[in-house]
Amino acid sequence: NKDLWMVYDQYVEMAENLDAQAEKKTGLLVYERTFEKSTLIGHHAIKTTFKEYFKDSRYNEAQENYAEEYITIANGFILTIALKMPKDVYDAVDCSTAISEIFKGFRFTVKH
């Protein structure tokens, strides 16, 4: 389907299942995930925000991140535009305005 809004409920269910599988297989815990219908450069999109927690022997301490993603279909391609940052940075400074500015400046061109 070329319109993600038409499969919104199925997309949300699939993403939640993938999160659960990833936690079992890798230990990556995705929590406080939200989904909403949005638009990105005139295309129907799904916006998701979430926090993730990951502990592995590569790190002295667990890694905790905040992420915001837009998923859309444009020119026949599924695009995911994502921004991820350490959660402590997100919590220390109100990053919502800065994140909004980053996505506001995003443009894309796809040629076949």
C-alpha atoms as a PDB file:
ATOM      1  CA  ASN A   1       0.000   0.000   0.000  1.00  0.00           C
ATOM      2  CA  LYS A   2       1.325   3.455  -0.854  1.00  0.00           C
ATOM      3  CA  ASP A   3      -0.438   5.125   2.073  1.00  0.00           C
ATOM      4  CA  LEU A   4       0.852   4.200   5.539  1.00  0.00           C
ATOM      5  CA  TRP A   5      -2.197   5.700   7.198  1.00  0.00           C
ATOM      6  CA  MET A   6      -4.306   2.920   5.666  1.00  0.00           C
ATOM      7  CA  VAL A   7      -2.190   0.285   7.438  1.00  0.00           C
ATOM      8  CA  TYR A   8      -1.493   2.316  10.594  1.00  0.00           C
ATOM      9  CA  ASP A   9      -2.910  -0.255  13.041  1.00  0.00           C
ATOM     10  CA  GLN A  10      -1.041  -3.126  11.381  1.00  0.00           C
ATOM     11  CA  TYR A  11       2.176  -1.088  11.360  1.00  0.00           C
ATOM     12  CA  VAL A  12       1.881  -0.322  15.079  1.00  0.00           C
ATOM     13  CA  GLU A  13       1.233  -3.984  15.882  1.00  0.00           C
ATOM     14  CA  MET A  14       4.185  -5.094  13.747  1.00  0.00           C
ATOM     15  CA  ALA A  15       6.558  -2.577  15.382  1.00  0.00           C
ATOM     16  CA  GLU A  16       5.486  -3.668  18.871  1.00  0.00           C
ATOM     17  CA  ASN A  17       6.086  -7.327  17.943  1.00  0.00           C
ATOM     18  CA  LEU A  18       9.519  -6.482  16.518  1.00  0.00           C
ATOM     19  CA  ASP A  19      10.405  -4.628  19.735  1.00  0.00           C
ATOM     20  CA  ALA A  20       9.467  -7.697  21.799  1.00  0.00           C
ATOM     21  CA  GLN A  21      11.494 -10.019  19.550  1.00  0.00           C
ATOM     22  CA  ALA A  22      14.526  -7.722  19.619  1.00  0.00           C
ATOM     23  CA  GLU A  23      14.443  -7.637  23.414  1.00  0.00           C
ATOM     24  CA  LYS A  24      14.427 -11.447  23.585  1.00  0.00           C
ATOM     25  CA  LYS A  25      17.240 -11.853  21.050  1.00  0.00           C
ATOM     26  CA  THR A  26      19.501  -8.876  21.793  1.00  0.00           C
ATOM     27  CA  GLY A  27      18.523  -7.466  25.172  1.00  0.00           C
ATOM     28  CA  LEU A  28      17.590  -4.104  23.614  1.00  0.00           C
ATOM     29  CA  LEU A  29      14.609  -2.802  25.593  1.00  0.00           C
ATOM     30  CA  VAL A  30      12.421  -0.264  23.771  1.00  0.00           C
ATOM     31  CA  TYR A  31      10.033   1.519  26.117  1.00  0.00           C
ATOM     32  CA  GLU A  32       7.628   4.453  26.180  1.00  0.00           C
ATOM     33  CA  ARG A  33       7.093   4.102  22.417  1.00  0.00           C
ATOM     34  CA  THR A  34       4.368   6.284  20.955  1.00  0.00           C
ATOM     35  CA  PHE A  35       2.930   6.334  17.443  1.00  0.00           C
ATOM     36  CA  GLU A  36       0.984   9.024  15.639  1.00  0.00           C
ATOM     37  CA  LYS A  37      -0.151   9.788  12.138  1.00  0.00           C
ATOM     38  CA  SER A  38       1.769  12.724  10.701  1.00  0.00           C
ATOM     39  CA  THR A  39       2.928  14.195   7.416  1.00  0.00           C
ATOM     40  CA  LEU A  40       6.456  14.512   6.108  1.00  0.00           C
ATOM     41  CA  ILE A  41       7.072  16.691   3.071  1.00  0.00           C
ATOM     42  CA  GLY A  42       3.477  16.291   1.943  1.00  0.00           C
ATOM     43  CA  HIS A  43       3.366  12.497   2.362  1.00  0.00           C
ATOM     44  CA  HIS A  44       1.379  10.582   4.947  1.00  0.00           C
ATOM     45  CA  ALA A  45       3.812   9.317   7.559  1.00  0.00           C
ATOM     46  CA  ILE A  46       3.921   7.596  10.910  1.00  0.00           C
ATOM     47  CA  LYS A  47       5.880   9.342  13.623  1.00  0.00           C
ATOM     48  CA  THR A  48       7.234   7.247  16.458  1.00  0.00           C
ATOM     49  CA  THR A  49       9.152   8.304  19.542  1.00  0.00           C
ATOM     50  CA  PHE A  50      10.736   5.934  22.012  1.00  0.00           C
ATOM     51  CA  LYS A  51      13.408   5.380  24.598  1.00  0.00           C
ATOM     52  CA  GLU A  52      15.719   2.405  24.544  1.00  0.00           C
ATOM     53  CA  TYR A  53      17.948   0.724  27.094  1.00  0.00           C
ATOM     54  CA  PHE A  54      20.841  -1.527  26.149  1.00  0.00           C
ATOM     55  CA  LYS A  55      23.496  -3.182  28.301  1.00  0.00           C
ATOM     56  CA  ASP A  56      26.369  -5.023  26.740  1.00  0.00           C
ATOM     57  CA  SER A  57      29.996  -5.752  27.577  1.00  0.00           C
ATOM     58  CA  ARG A  58      31.218  -3.071  25.146  1.00  0.00           C
ATOM     59  CA  TYR A  59      30.020  -0.379  27.543  1.00  0.00           C
ATOM     60  CA  ASN A  60      30.950   0.318  31.154  1.00  0.00           C
ATOM     61  CA  GLU A  61      27.390   1.445  31.783  1.00  0.00           C
ATOM     62  CA  ALA A  62      24.124   0.714  30.062  1.00  0.00           C
ATOM     63  CA  GLN A  63      23.312   2.880  27.055  1.00  0.00           C
ATOM     64  CA  GLU A  64      20.019   4.712  27.191  1.00  0.00           C
ATOM     65  CA  ASN A  65      18.775   6.692  24.181  1.00  0.00           C
ATOM     66  CA  TYR A  66      15.857   8.812  23.020  1.00  0.00           C
ATOM     67  CA  ALA A  67      14.766   8.462  19.393  1.00  0.00           C
ATOM     68  CA  GLU A  68      12.304  10.102  17.059  1.00  0.00           C
ATOM     69  CA  GLU A  69      11.506   8.622  13.637  1.00  0.00           C
ATOM     70  CA  TYR A  70       9.306   9.374  10.670  1.00  0.00           C
ATOM     71  CA  ILE A  71       8.374   6.537   8.325  1.00  0.00           C
ATOM     72  CA  THR A  72       6.798   7.326   4.942  1.00  0.00           C
ATOM     73  CA  ILE A  73       6.449   6.010   1.407  1.00  0.00           C
ATOM     74  CA  ALA A  74       7.634   8.371  -1.320  1.00  0.00           C
ATOM     75  CA  ASN A  75       8.250   7.649  -4.996  1.00  0.00           C
ATOM     76  CA  GLY A  76       7.800   3.929  -4.312  1.00  0.00           C
ATOM     77  CA  PHE A  77      10.433   3.806  -1.561  1.00  0.00           C
ATOM     78  CA  ILE A  78       9.874   3.281   2.161  1.00  0.00           C
ATOM     79  CA  LEU A  79      11.858   5.956   3.955  1.00  0.00           C
ATOM     80  CA  THR A  80      12.746   6.065   7.632  1.00  0.00           C
ATOM     81  CA  ILE A  81      14.200   9.339   8.836  1.00  0.00           C
ATOM     82  CA  ALA A  82      15.494   8.975  12.375  1.00  0.00           C
ATOM     83  CA  LEU A  83      17.251  10.967  15.039  1.00  0.00           C
ATOM     84  CA  LYS A  84      18.723   9.261  18.098  1.00  0.00           C
ATOM     85  CA  MET A  85      20.597  10.810  21.026  1.00  0.00           C
ATOM     86  CA  PRO A  86      21.707   9.816  24.518  1.00  0.00           C
ATOM     87  CA  LYS A  87      18.740  10.065  26.884  1.00  0.00           C
ATOM     88  CA  ASP A  88      20.727  12.060  29.455  1.00  0.00           C
ATOM     89  CA  VAL A  89      21.381  14.760  26.822  1.00  0.00           C
ATOM     90  CA  TYR A  90      17.685  14.805  25.903  1.00  0.00           C
ATOM     91  CA  ASP A  91      16.718  15.060  29.585  1.00  0.00           C
ATOM     92  CA  ALA A  92      19.307  17.753  30.439  1.00  0.00           C
ATOM     93  CA  VAL A  93      18.238  20.166  27.727  1.00  0.00           C
ATOM     94  CA  ASP A  94      14.791  20.661  26.238  1.00  0.00           C
ATOM     95  CA  CYS A  95      15.642  19.194  22.838  1.00  0.00           C
ATOM     96  CA  SER A  96      12.113  19.143  21.444  1.00  0.00           C
ATOM     97  CA  THR A  97      12.562  22.503  19.680  1.00  0.00           C
ATOM     98  CA  ALA A  98      15.954  21.544  18.246  1.00  0.00           C
ATOM     99  CA  ILE A  99      14.608  18.194  17.028  1.00  0.00           C
ATOM    100  CA  SER A 100      11.660  19.952  15.411  1.00  0.00           C
ATOM    101  CA  GLU A 101      14.069  22.299  13.610  1.00  0.00           C
ATOM    102  CA  ILE A 102      16.146  19.371  12.332  1.00  0.00           C
ATOM    103  CA  PHE A 103      13.104  17.637  10.857  1.00  0.00           C
ATOM    104  CA  LYS A 104      11.729  20.928   9.525  1.00  0.00           C
ATOM    105  CA  GLY A 105      14.885  21.364   7.460  1.00  0.00           C
ATOM    106  CA  PHE A 106      14.772  17.849   6.034  1.00  0.00           C
ATOM    107  CA  ARG A 107      14.247  17.509   2.287  1.00  0.00           C
ATOM    108  CA  PHE A 108      14.525  14.548  -0.045  1.00  0.00           C
ATOM    109  CA  THR A 109      14.726  13.895  -3.748  1.00  0.00           C
ATOM    110  CA  VAL A 110      14.536  10.430  -5.238  1.00  0.00           C
ATOM    111  CA  LYS A 111      15.239   9.815  -8.905  1.00  0.00           C
ATOM    112  CA  HIS A 112      14.423   6.546 -10.632  1.00  0.00           C
END
